[in-house]
Amino acid sequence: MILQGLNTPLLYEGYKEQNNKLVKNVCLISKKYPVTCHTQHVSTGGVFVAINGTSSNGENFIAEAIKRGAIKIIVHKSFDKKNCIHGVDYKFVNDTRIALAKEAAKAARSPAKKLKIFAITGTKGKTTSAWMLEHIFKKNNFNPALLSSAENRILEKSESAPLTTLPADYIQQFLAEALRCGVTHVVMEVSSHGLSLKRVHGVEFEAIGFTNLARDHLDFYGTMEKYFAAKLEILDHLKPNGHSVVGISDDWGRIFSDKSTKLGFRTDTFDHEFSCEHFKKIREPFNKDNAAMAIKLATAAGIDEIAAIESLKDFPGVPGRLQRHRMKNGATGIVDFAHNPVAMESVLAALREETDNLIIVFGCGGCKDHGRRPRMGAIASKYADKIIITNDNPRTEDPNVIAQEILQGIQLREQSKIIIELDRETAVSVAASNSQKESIVVLLGKGTETYQIIGTERLNFSDWNEITKF
């Protein structure tokens, strides 16, 4: 089902992975919110905020919201008052997204002010760093909650998450429930969209982390400079005495660090060489840059560095991030979320060292940045012995066109490696049939996603379920 107004899947009607199966989500918070931008979450006597989203206009759903029980409508000041429904209170505002954040926080009694919130942004590494930090908190007797692209969790209860940073109505209800359950510290992934679309407006952070920046979301931002500017907005949410941890392995990180320092924040930096040398105790295959981020944020929370390092010795990993399965023929199947060139190269470079036979299954998302497609094709051909190009949420784009754009990055002499199989289930089967003992079959792009978007349909599909058949 699609939420009316913002085209976001209903959390409580979704599924998640558990014991290699799709199971119904636990619902962490109520289905009904006192303030919401989704008609499905409207409560009797509640407030509906009509947001003009990227795919639909909330103003078109005002009547539905009222039918579901809303008694107050918040709408942009440009809304034609002639269209107001009699007997309903209307409030006109300059920015409906900011209004949503403010009203949702007020209705939830401003839970963020009573919690210590640690936020991580960047192109790659956010999820693993966040899970590592939450794990360190647990091992050191903190009571943490987690908001991440793989899963949202309050203490030991969890549900899958369809977006890295969900809208403000959900965030405020989540934080209120976390507080009610005795949570003291919250670890939160914060996406560029979450910042640009005001989803964390009014939320202040104890400490923030910036992992890195690489080409991504240019369909939304247009240029790397604008994408980076969106990431920089996280500094606006840092408390005056807050702590900033920055990966400086690229120029963007160094610029971020300079900006943080000039604003007067305590700024701690690390690069890849430091991570590898300083955190030798962290076992592979966990990325030591992610470990460095988590450990340094933990020390900002008052945890001793040695204790933080020791805490990660039994870190179980993140579902959908280098998630491994031993196949019946002795090959290794791996599911990973890498869906942009930098993340893809990082994963494949590491796996190439483990095997003489690397088989890749991947595609590129439809209605997204076209420029990444040939680049990802080139990276695949650089590392793989066999490449199966397939669908990865083609949406309303022609899957054949996407595949051909990927092929543009692969030289003719390398194209003997290529198999195009647009049915992803069949593509996984083809990859498995081409594997042998000691091969690695890596499925890239979807991670823990339990769906495939083809056209406008959202179909059940799990890479993990498919690879564990073999």
Protein backbone atom coordinates (compact mmCIF):
# COMPACT_ATOMS: atom_id res chain seq x y z
CA MET A 1 0.00 0.00 0.00
CA ILE A 2 1.17 3.54 -0.67
CA LEU A 3 0.64 6.32 1.84
CA GLN A 4 -1.45 9.09 0.42
CA GLY A 5 0.37 12.38 0.28
CA LEU A 6 4.04 11.28 0.42
CA ASN A 7 4.27 7.97 -1.45
CA THR A 8 5.81 6.20 1.57
CA PRO A 9 5.01 2.56 2.42
CA LEU A 10 3.10 1.95 5.62
CA LEU A 11 5.53 0.72 8.26
CA TYR A 12 2.98 -1.40 10.07
CA GLU A 13 1.92 -3.13 6.87
CA GLY A 14 5.53 -3.99 5.91
CA TYR A 15 7.69 -7.03 6.51
CA LYS A 16 11.20 -7.65 7.75
CA GLU A 17 13.77 -10.44 7.67
CA GLN A 18 13.88 -12.86 10.58
CA ASN A 19 15.50 -16.30 10.51
CA ASN A 20 15.79 -16.07 6.71
CA LYS A 21 12.03 -15.50 6.33
CA LEU A 22 9.75 -12.54 5.76
CA VAL A 23 7.74 -11.89 8.89
CA LYS A 24 5.17 -9.23 9.77
CA ASN A 25 6.63 -6.11 11.37
CA VAL A 26 6.43 -5.35 15.05
CA CYS A 27 4.78 -1.94 15.35
CA LEU A 28 6.87 0.28 17.62
CA ILE A 29 4.42 3.16 17.75
CA SER A 30 0.70 3.74 17.36
CA LYS A 31 -0.77 3.67 13.88
CA LYS A 32 -2.50 6.96 14.58
CA TYR A 33 -0.64 10.22 15.19
CA PRO A 34 -2.01 13.43 16.75
CA VAL A 35 -0.32 15.39 13.96
CA THR A 36 0.48 13.83 10.59
CA CYS A 37 1.05 14.42 6.90
CA HIS A 38 -0.32 10.96 5.99
CA THR A 39 -4.03 10.28 5.72
CA GLN A 40 -3.50 6.70 6.93
CA HIS A 41 -2.17 8.04 10.24
CA VAL A 42 -4.89 10.63 10.89
CA SER A 43 -6.46 10.26 14.32
CA THR A 44 -9.90 11.35 15.44
CA GLY A 45 -9.58 14.97 16.53
CA GLY A 46 -6.11 15.16 14.98
CA VAL A 47 -4.23 17.59 12.77
CA PHE A 48 -3.46 16.99 9.09
CA VAL A 49 -0.57 18.88 7.47
CA ALA A 50 -0.99 19.12 3.70
CA ILE A 51 2.52 18.90 2.28
CA ASN A 52 3.24 19.31 -1.40
CA GLY A 53 5.50 16.28 -1.80
CA THR A 54 7.78 15.19 -4.60
CA SER A 55 5.22 12.77 -6.06
CA SER A 56 1.87 14.11 -4.87
CA ASN A 57 0.26 17.14 -3.26
CA GLY A 58 -1.16 16.73 0.23
CA GLU A 59 -3.77 19.36 -0.53
CA ASN A 60 -5.50 16.76 -2.69
CA PHE A 61 -6.06 14.60 0.39
CA ILE A 62 -7.55 17.17 2.76
CA ALA A 63 -11.10 15.86 2.30
CA GLU A 64 -9.92 12.31 3.01
CA ALA A 65 -8.09 13.48 6.14
CA ILE A 66 -11.24 15.18 7.42
CA LYS A 67 -13.27 12.06 6.67
CA ARG A 68 -10.79 10.10 8.80
CA GLY A 69 -11.24 12.46 11.75
CA ALA A 70 -8.95 15.47 11.31
CA ILE A 71 -10.43 18.64 12.83
CA LYS A 72 -7.57 20.98 11.92
CA ILE A 73 -5.77 21.41 8.60
CA ILE A 74 -2.39 23.09 8.21
CA VAL A 75 -1.79 24.23 4.66
CA HIS A 76 0.47 26.55 2.68
CA LYS A 77 -0.59 30.19 2.59
CA SER A 78 -1.06 29.98 -1.20
CA PHE A 79 -4.00 27.60 -0.74
CA ASP A 80 -7.21 29.07 -2.14
CA LYS A 81 -9.44 29.79 0.85
CA LYS A 82 -12.47 29.20 -1.36
CA ASN A 83 -11.60 25.51 -1.17
CA CYS A 84 -11.71 25.39 2.63
CA ILE A 85 -14.23 22.88 3.96
CA HIS A 86 -16.83 24.46 6.24
CA GLY A 87 -16.64 23.62 9.92
CA VAL A 88 -12.93 22.72 9.92
CA ASP A 89 -10.16 24.86 11.41
CA TYR A 90 -7.46 25.91 8.91
CA LYS A 91 -4.02 27.32 9.63
CA PHE A 92 -2.01 28.92 6.81
CA VAL A 93 1.80 28.79 6.99
CA ASN A 94 4.87 29.72 4.98
CA ASP A 95 6.45 26.25 5.18
CA THR A 96 4.31 23.17 5.76
CA ARG A 97 7.30 20.91 6.43
CA ILE A 98 8.53 23.13 9.26
CA ALA A 99 4.95 23.36 10.54
CA LEU A 100 4.72 19.56 10.59
CA ALA A 101 7.94 19.28 12.59
CA LYS A 102 6.92 21.96 15.10
CA GLU A 103 3.35 20.74 15.59
CA ALA A 104 4.39 17.07 15.82
CA ALA A 105 7.04 17.91 18.44
CA LYS A 106 4.55 19.99 20.42
CA ALA A 107 1.94 17.21 20.36
CA ALA A 108 4.56 14.70 21.55
CA ARG A 109 5.71 17.08 24.33
CA SER A 110 9.13 17.73 22.77
CA PRO A 111 10.76 14.36 23.56
CA ALA A 112 14.01 15.26 21.78
CA LYS A 113 14.81 17.77 24.53
CA LYS A 114 14.87 14.95 27.10
CA LEU A 115 17.09 12.56 25.09
CA LYS A 116 20.75 12.51 24.09
CA ILE A 117 20.70 12.11 20.31
CA PHE A 118 23.71 11.11 18.22
CA ALA A 119 23.34 11.63 14.45
CA ILE A 120 25.37 10.26 11.56
CA THR A 121 25.28 11.50 7.98
CA GLY A 122 27.32 10.83 4.83
CA THR A 123 26.95 8.85 1.61
CA LYS A 124 28.11 5.46 2.83
CA GLY A 125 28.83 3.92 6.19
CA LYS A 126 25.94 5.55 8.06
CA THR A 127 24.07 2.35 8.83
CA THR A 128 27.00 0.23 9.98
CA SER A 129 28.42 3.10 12.05
CA ALA A 130 25.01 3.66 13.67
CA TRP A 131 24.54 -0.03 14.49
CA MET A 132 28.07 -0.20 15.90
CA LEU A 133 27.43 2.83 18.11
CA GLU A 134 24.14 1.41 19.36
CA HIS A 135 25.95 -1.87 20.13
CA ILE A 136 28.64 -0.01 22.11
CA PHE A 137 25.95 1.83 24.05
CA LYS A 138 24.23 -1.44 24.95
CA LYS A 139 27.49 -3.08 26.03
CA ASN A 140 28.21 -0.12 28.29
CA ASN A 141 24.82 -0.20 30.05
CA PHE A 142 23.16 2.65 28.20
CA ASN A 143 19.51 2.31 27.13
CA PRO A 144 19.60 3.13 23.40
CA ALA A 145 17.13 3.47 20.56
CA LEU A 146 18.06 3.36 16.88
CA LEU A 147 16.70 5.06 13.77
CA SER A 148 18.40 3.62 10.68
CA SER A 149 17.74 2.72 7.07
CA ALA A 150 17.91 -1.00 7.88
CA GLU A 151 15.77 -1.04 11.00
CA ASN A 152 14.30 1.15 13.74
CA ARG A 153 14.66 -0.15 17.27
CA ILE A 154 13.60 0.81 20.78
CA LEU A 155 15.63 -1.28 23.22
CA GLU A 156 14.94 -4.85 22.00
CA LYS A 157 11.86 -4.20 19.85
CA SER A 158 12.37 -3.40 16.17
CA GLU A 159 10.66 -2.77 12.85
CA SER A 160 11.95 -2.31 9.31
CA ALA A 161 12.33 1.21 7.92
CA PRO A 162 11.40 2.21 4.35
CA LEU A 163 13.45 5.43 4.47
CA THR A 164 16.72 6.46 6.11
CA THR A 165 15.09 9.46 7.77
CA LEU A 166 11.34 9.21 8.09
CA PRO A 167 9.02 12.26 8.18
CA ALA A 168 8.85 14.42 11.30
CA ASP A 169 5.49 13.03 12.45
CA TYR A 170 6.97 9.53 12.77
CA ILE A 171 10.24 10.74 14.31
CA GLN A 172 8.48 12.67 17.08
CA GLN A 173 6.19 9.75 17.92
CA PHE A 174 9.19 7.38 17.90
CA LEU A 175 11.17 9.63 20.25
CA ALA A 176 8.18 9.96 22.58
CA GLU A 177 7.78 6.18 22.73
CA ALA A 178 11.52 5.72 23.26
CA LEU A 179 11.40 8.12 26.19
CA ARG A 180 8.38 6.31 27.64
CA CYS A 181 10.32 3.02 27.45
CA GLY A 182 13.26 4.40 29.42
CA VAL A 183 15.62 5.17 26.53
CA THR A 184 18.37 7.66 27.35
CA HIS A 185 20.43 7.75 24.14
CA VAL A 186 19.24 7.69 20.52
CA VAL A 187 21.41 6.86 17.50
CA MET A 188 20.01 8.30 14.30
CA GLU A 189 21.02 8.10 10.67
CA VAL A 190 20.26 11.43 9.04
CA SER A 191 20.03 11.57 5.24
CA SER A 192 20.48 14.63 3.06
CA HIS A 193 16.78 14.39 2.20
CA GLY A 194 15.96 14.28 5.91
CA LEU A 195 17.78 17.58 6.31
CA SER A 196 16.54 19.25 3.13
CA LEU A 197 12.93 18.25 3.76
CA LYS A 198 13.00 19.44 7.39
CA ARG A 199 12.32 16.02 8.86
CA VAL A 200 14.61 16.70 11.82
CA HIS A 201 13.72 20.38 12.15
CA GLY A 202 13.96 21.42 15.80
CA VAL A 203 15.86 18.28 16.87
CA GLU A 204 19.23 19.03 18.50
CA PHE A 205 22.12 16.57 18.58
CA GLU A 206 24.70 15.89 21.29
CA ALA A 207 27.19 14.83 18.65
CA ILE A 208 27.20 14.31 14.90
CA GLY A 209 29.29 12.23 12.52
CA PHE A 210 30.09 12.84 8.86
CA THR A 211 31.40 9.68 7.17
CA ASN A 212 32.18 10.75 3.59
CA LEU A 213 30.61 12.10 0.42
CA ALA A 214 30.33 10.38 -2.95
CA ARG A 215 28.09 10.68 -6.00
CA ASP A 216 24.51 9.96 -4.98
CA HIS A 217 21.07 11.60 -5.13
CA LEU A 218 22.05 13.88 -7.99
CA ASP A 219 18.60 13.31 -9.45
CA PHE A 220 17.40 15.38 -6.48
CA TYR A 221 20.27 17.83 -5.94
CA GLY A 222 21.72 18.27 -9.42
CA THR A 223 25.33 18.88 -8.35
CA MET A 224 27.73 17.51 -5.76
CA GLU A 225 28.05 20.99 -4.30
CA LYS A 226 24.32 21.19 -3.56
CA TYR A 227 24.34 17.64 -2.20
CA PHE A 228 27.21 18.56 0.13
CA ALA A 229 25.46 21.75 1.21
CA ALA A 230 22.51 19.63 2.31
CA LYS A 231 24.82 17.44 4.42
CA LEU A 232 26.36 20.52 6.01
CA GLU A 233 22.94 21.47 7.38
CA ILE A 234 23.42 18.84 10.09
CA LEU A 235 25.76 21.30 11.83
CA ASP A 236 22.75 23.60 12.34
CA HIS A 237 21.31 20.91 14.63
CA LEU A 238 24.41 20.44 16.81
CA LYS A 239 24.13 21.75 20.37
CA PRO A 240 26.46 24.68 21.18
CA ASN A 241 28.74 22.42 23.23
CA GLY A 242 28.33 19.55 20.77
CA HIS A 243 30.96 17.25 19.32
CA SER A 244 31.62 16.68 15.60
CA VAL A 245 33.38 13.56 14.28
CA VAL A 246 34.52 13.73 10.66
CA GLY A 247 36.05 11.25 8.24
CA ILE A 248 38.64 13.19 6.22
CA SER A 249 39.69 10.60 3.65
CA ASP A 250 38.22 12.83 0.92
CA ASP A 251 38.21 16.57 0.22
CA TRP A 252 34.57 16.88 1.24
CA GLY A 253 35.41 15.60 4.71
CA ARG A 254 38.23 18.10 5.09
CA ILE A 255 35.90 20.94 4.07
CA PHE A 256 33.28 19.67 6.53
CA SER A 257 35.89 19.54 9.30
CA ASP A 258 37.02 23.11 8.59
CA LYS A 259 33.42 24.33 8.65
CA SER A 260 32.73 22.54 11.94
CA THR A 261 35.87 23.97 13.54
CA LYS A 262 35.12 27.53 12.37
CA LEU A 263 31.68 27.27 13.93
CA GLY A 264 33.35 26.55 17.26
CA PHE A 265 32.43 22.89 17.67
CA ARG A 266 34.79 20.33 19.15
CA THR A 267 35.88 18.52 15.99
CA ASP A 268 37.59 15.12 15.93
CA THR A 269 38.86 13.69 12.62
CA PHE A 270 40.16 10.41 11.25
CA ASP A 271 41.22 9.04 7.88
CA HIS A 272 41.39 5.51 6.51
CA GLU A 273 45.06 5.04 7.36
CA PHE A 274 44.41 6.03 10.98
CA SER A 275 41.41 3.69 11.19
CA CYS A 276 43.33 0.67 9.92
CA GLU A 277 46.32 1.31 12.17
CA HIS A 278 44.50 2.37 15.33
CA PHE A 279 41.68 -0.18 15.34
CA LYS A 280 43.54 -3.40 14.50
CA LYS A 281 41.45 -5.25 17.09
CA ILE A 282 38.30 -4.78 15.00
CA ARG A 283 37.76 -8.03 13.10
CA GLU A 284 37.08 -8.18 9.40
CA PRO A 285 34.93 -7.84 7.37
CA PHE A 286 33.76 -4.79 9.33
CA ASN A 287 34.92 -1.53 7.82
CA LYS A 288 37.38 0.10 10.18
CA ASP A 289 36.27 3.59 9.11
CA ASN A 290 32.79 2.74 10.37
CA ALA A 291 34.33 1.44 13.58
CA ALA A 292 36.35 4.65 13.97
CA MET A 293 33.20 6.73 13.60
CA ALA A 294 31.30 4.67 16.18
CA ILE A 295 34.17 4.59 18.68
CA LYS A 296 34.83 8.32 18.48
CA LEU A 297 31.13 9.13 18.90
CA ALA A 298 31.04 6.73 21.87
CA THR A 299 33.91 8.59 23.51
CA ALA A 300 31.93 11.82 22.95
CA ALA A 301 29.21 10.13 25.04
CA GLY A 302 31.72 9.54 27.83
CA ILE A 303 32.66 5.91 27.09
CA ASP A 304 36.33 4.99 27.41
CA GLU A 305 37.92 4.27 24.03
CA ILE A 306 39.33 0.89 25.07
CA ALA A 307 35.92 -0.12 26.40
CA ALA A 308 34.34 0.94 23.10
CA ILE A 309 36.84 -1.13 21.10
CA GLU A 310 36.28 -4.16 23.32
CA SER A 311 32.52 -3.75 22.89
CA LEU A 312 32.82 -4.27 19.12
CA LYS A 313 34.54 -7.64 19.40
CA ASP A 314 31.16 -9.39 19.40
CA PHE A 315 29.36 -6.97 17.07
CA PRO A 316 27.12 -9.25 14.94
CA GLY A 317 26.98 -7.03 11.86
CA VAL A 318 24.10 -5.39 10.03
CA PRO A 319 21.52 -7.29 7.97
CA GLY A 320 22.04 -6.52 4.29
CA ARG A 321 25.56 -5.19 4.79
CA LEU A 322 28.08 -7.84 3.72
CA GLN A 323 25.58 -10.41 5.02
CA ARG A 324 27.03 -13.85 4.32
CA HIS A 325 25.46 -17.20 3.50
CA ARG A 326 27.34 -20.46 2.96
CA MET A 327 25.89 -22.03 -0.18
CA LYS A 328 25.38 -25.76 -0.60
CA ASN A 329 28.14 -26.02 -3.23
CA GLY A 330 30.70 -24.38 -0.96
CA ALA A 331 30.41 -20.92 -2.50
CA THR A 332 29.69 -17.84 -0.40
CA GLY A 333 26.62 -15.74 -1.07
CA ILE A 334 26.72 -12.12 0.07
CA VAL A 335 23.94 -9.53 0.20
CA ASP A 336 24.96 -5.89 0.39
CA PHE A 337 23.11 -2.59 0.04
CA ALA A 338 25.85 -0.88 -2.04
CA HIS A 339 23.98 1.05 -4.73
CA ASN A 340 26.33 3.84 -5.77
CA PRO A 341 29.77 3.76 -7.41
CA VAL A 342 31.88 4.46 -4.31
CA ALA A 343 30.10 1.94 -2.09
CA MET A 344 30.15 -0.62 -4.88
CA GLU A 345 33.90 -0.26 -5.44
CA SER A 346 34.61 -0.47 -1.73
CA VAL A 347 32.70 -3.75 -1.41
CA LEU A 348 34.05 -5.35 -4.58
CA ALA A 349 37.66 -4.38 -3.91
CA ALA A 350 37.47 -6.11 -0.54
CA LEU A 351 35.75 -9.23 -1.90
CA ARG A 352 38.13 -9.52 -4.85
CA GLU A 353 40.92 -10.29 -2.38
CA GLU A 354 38.94 -13.22 -0.97
CA THR A 355 38.29 -15.19 -4.15
CA ASP A 356 39.48 -16.05 -7.65
CA ASN A 357 35.88 -16.24 -8.84
CA LEU A 358 33.71 -13.21 -8.09
CA ILE A 359 30.17 -13.20 -9.49
CA ILE A 360 28.11 -10.00 -9.28
CA VAL A 361 24.36 -9.49 -9.56
CA PHE A 362 23.30 -5.84 -9.72
CA GLY A 363 21.18 -3.23 -11.44
CA CYS A 364 20.49 0.48 -11.12
CA GLY A 365 17.37 2.16 -9.82
CA GLY A 366 14.89 3.61 -12.28
CA CYS A 367 14.02 7.32 -12.30
CA LYS A 368 17.33 8.04 -10.57
CA ASP A 369 20.72 9.48 -11.49
CA HIS A 370 21.59 8.18 -14.98
CA GLY A 371 25.25 9.16 -14.66
CA ARG A 372 26.04 6.46 -12.13
CA ARG A 373 24.97 3.61 -14.44
CA PRO A 374 27.99 3.41 -16.79
CA ARG A 375 30.30 4.09 -13.84
CA MET A 376 28.87 1.13 -11.97
CA GLY A 377 29.19 -1.00 -15.09
CA ALA A 378 32.88 -0.08 -15.30
CA ILE A 379 33.46 -0.92 -11.64
CA ALA A 380 31.71 -4.27 -12.01
CA SER A 381 33.87 -5.20 -15.00
CA LYS A 382 37.02 -4.14 -13.12
CA TYR A 383 36.48 -6.68 -10.33
CA ALA A 384 34.09 -9.40 -11.49
CA ASP A 385 34.62 -12.66 -13.35
CA LYS A 386 30.92 -12.86 -14.20
CA ILE A 387 28.35 -10.04 -14.18
CA ILE A 388 24.60 -10.55 -14.20
CA ILE A 389 22.82 -7.27 -14.91
CA THR A 390 19.29 -7.28 -13.59
CA ASN A 391 16.48 -5.12 -12.24
CA ASP A 392 16.86 -3.03 -9.10
CA ASN A 393 13.61 -1.11 -8.62
CA PRO A 394 13.27 0.04 -12.25
CA ARG A 395 10.08 1.89 -11.31
CA THR A 396 8.46 3.39 -14.41
CA GLU A 397 11.65 3.34 -16.52
CA ASP A 398 12.27 0.73 -19.22
CA PRO A 399 14.55 -1.91 -17.61
CA ASN A 400 16.20 -2.56 -20.98
CA VAL A 401 17.27 1.08 -21.23
CA ILE A 402 18.77 0.93 -17.74
CA ALA A 403 20.72 -2.22 -18.64
CA GLN A 404 22.05 -0.65 -21.84
CA GLU A 405 23.23 2.43 -19.93
CA ILE A 406 25.11 0.15 -17.52
CA LEU A 407 26.71 -1.60 -20.51
CA GLN A 408 28.04 1.72 -21.82
CA GLY A 409 30.64 1.64 -19.05
CA ILE A 410 31.91 -1.83 -19.97
CA GLN A 411 34.53 -2.18 -22.71
CA LEU A 412 33.80 -4.58 -25.55
CA ARG A 413 36.59 -6.95 -24.55
CA GLU A 414 34.92 -7.35 -21.13
CA GLN A 415 31.41 -8.01 -22.40
CA SER A 416 31.91 -11.76 -22.56
CA LYS A 417 31.50 -11.60 -18.77
CA ILE A 418 28.00 -10.20 -19.10
CA ILE A 419 24.63 -11.88 -18.76
CA ILE A 420 21.51 -9.70 -18.90
CA GLU A 421 18.65 -11.27 -16.96
CA LEU A 422 16.11 -8.67 -15.92
CA ASP A 423 14.07 -10.97 -13.70
CA ARG A 424 16.00 -10.64 -10.43
CA GLU A 425 14.90 -13.99 -9.02
CA THR A 426 16.15 -15.73 -12.16
CA ALA A 427 19.33 -13.62 -12.10
CA VAL A 428 20.18 -14.93 -8.63
CA SER A 429 19.59 -18.48 -9.85
CA VAL A 430 21.87 -17.89 -12.86
CA ALA A 431 24.58 -16.53 -10.58
CA ALA A 432 24.31 -19.54 -8.29
CA SER A 433 24.51 -21.95 -11.23
CA ASN A 434 27.70 -20.24 -12.40
CA SER A 435 29.32 -20.56 -8.97
CA GLN A 436 31.52 -23.28 -7.59
CA LYS A 437 33.37 -24.03 -4.36
CA GLU A 438 35.24 -20.89 -3.14
CA SER A 439 33.27 -18.59 -5.49
CA ILE A 440 31.68 -15.47 -4.05
CA VAL A 441 28.25 -14.51 -5.35
CA VAL A 442 27.45 -10.94 -4.31
CA LEU A 443 24.00 -9.42 -4.72
CA LEU A 444 24.30 -5.64 -4.68
CA GLY A 445 21.86 -2.78 -4.31
CA LYS A 446 18.95 -3.97 -2.21
CA GLY A 447 20.30 -5.13 1.13
CA THR A 448 17.38 -5.73 3.49
CA GLU A 449 14.76 -4.38 1.09
CA THR A 450 11.86 -6.81 0.90
CA TYR A 451 10.32 -5.46 -2.28
CA GLN A 452 10.94 -4.76 -5.94
CA ILE A 453 9.32 -1.69 -7.52
CA ILE A 454 8.36 -2.46 -11.11
CA GLY A 455 6.21 0.14 -12.79
CA THR A 456 4.07 1.45 -9.96
CA GLU A 457 3.74 -1.95 -8.27
CA ARG A 458 5.59 -2.83 -5.08
CA LEU A 459 6.21 -6.57 -5.25
CA ASN A 460 7.52 -8.81 -2.45
CA PHE A 461 11.13 -9.69 -3.09
CA SER A 462 14.17 -10.37 -0.90
CA ASP A 463 17.76 -10.93 -2.07
CA TRP A 464 18.45 -12.80 1.16
CA ASN A 465 15.51 -15.15 0.66
CA GLU A 466 16.66 -15.88 -2.87
CA ILE A 467 20.35 -16.56 -2.16
CA THR A 468 19.55 -18.79 0.83
CA LYS A 469 17.71 -21.19 -1.50
CA PHE A 470 21.11 -22.32 -2.78
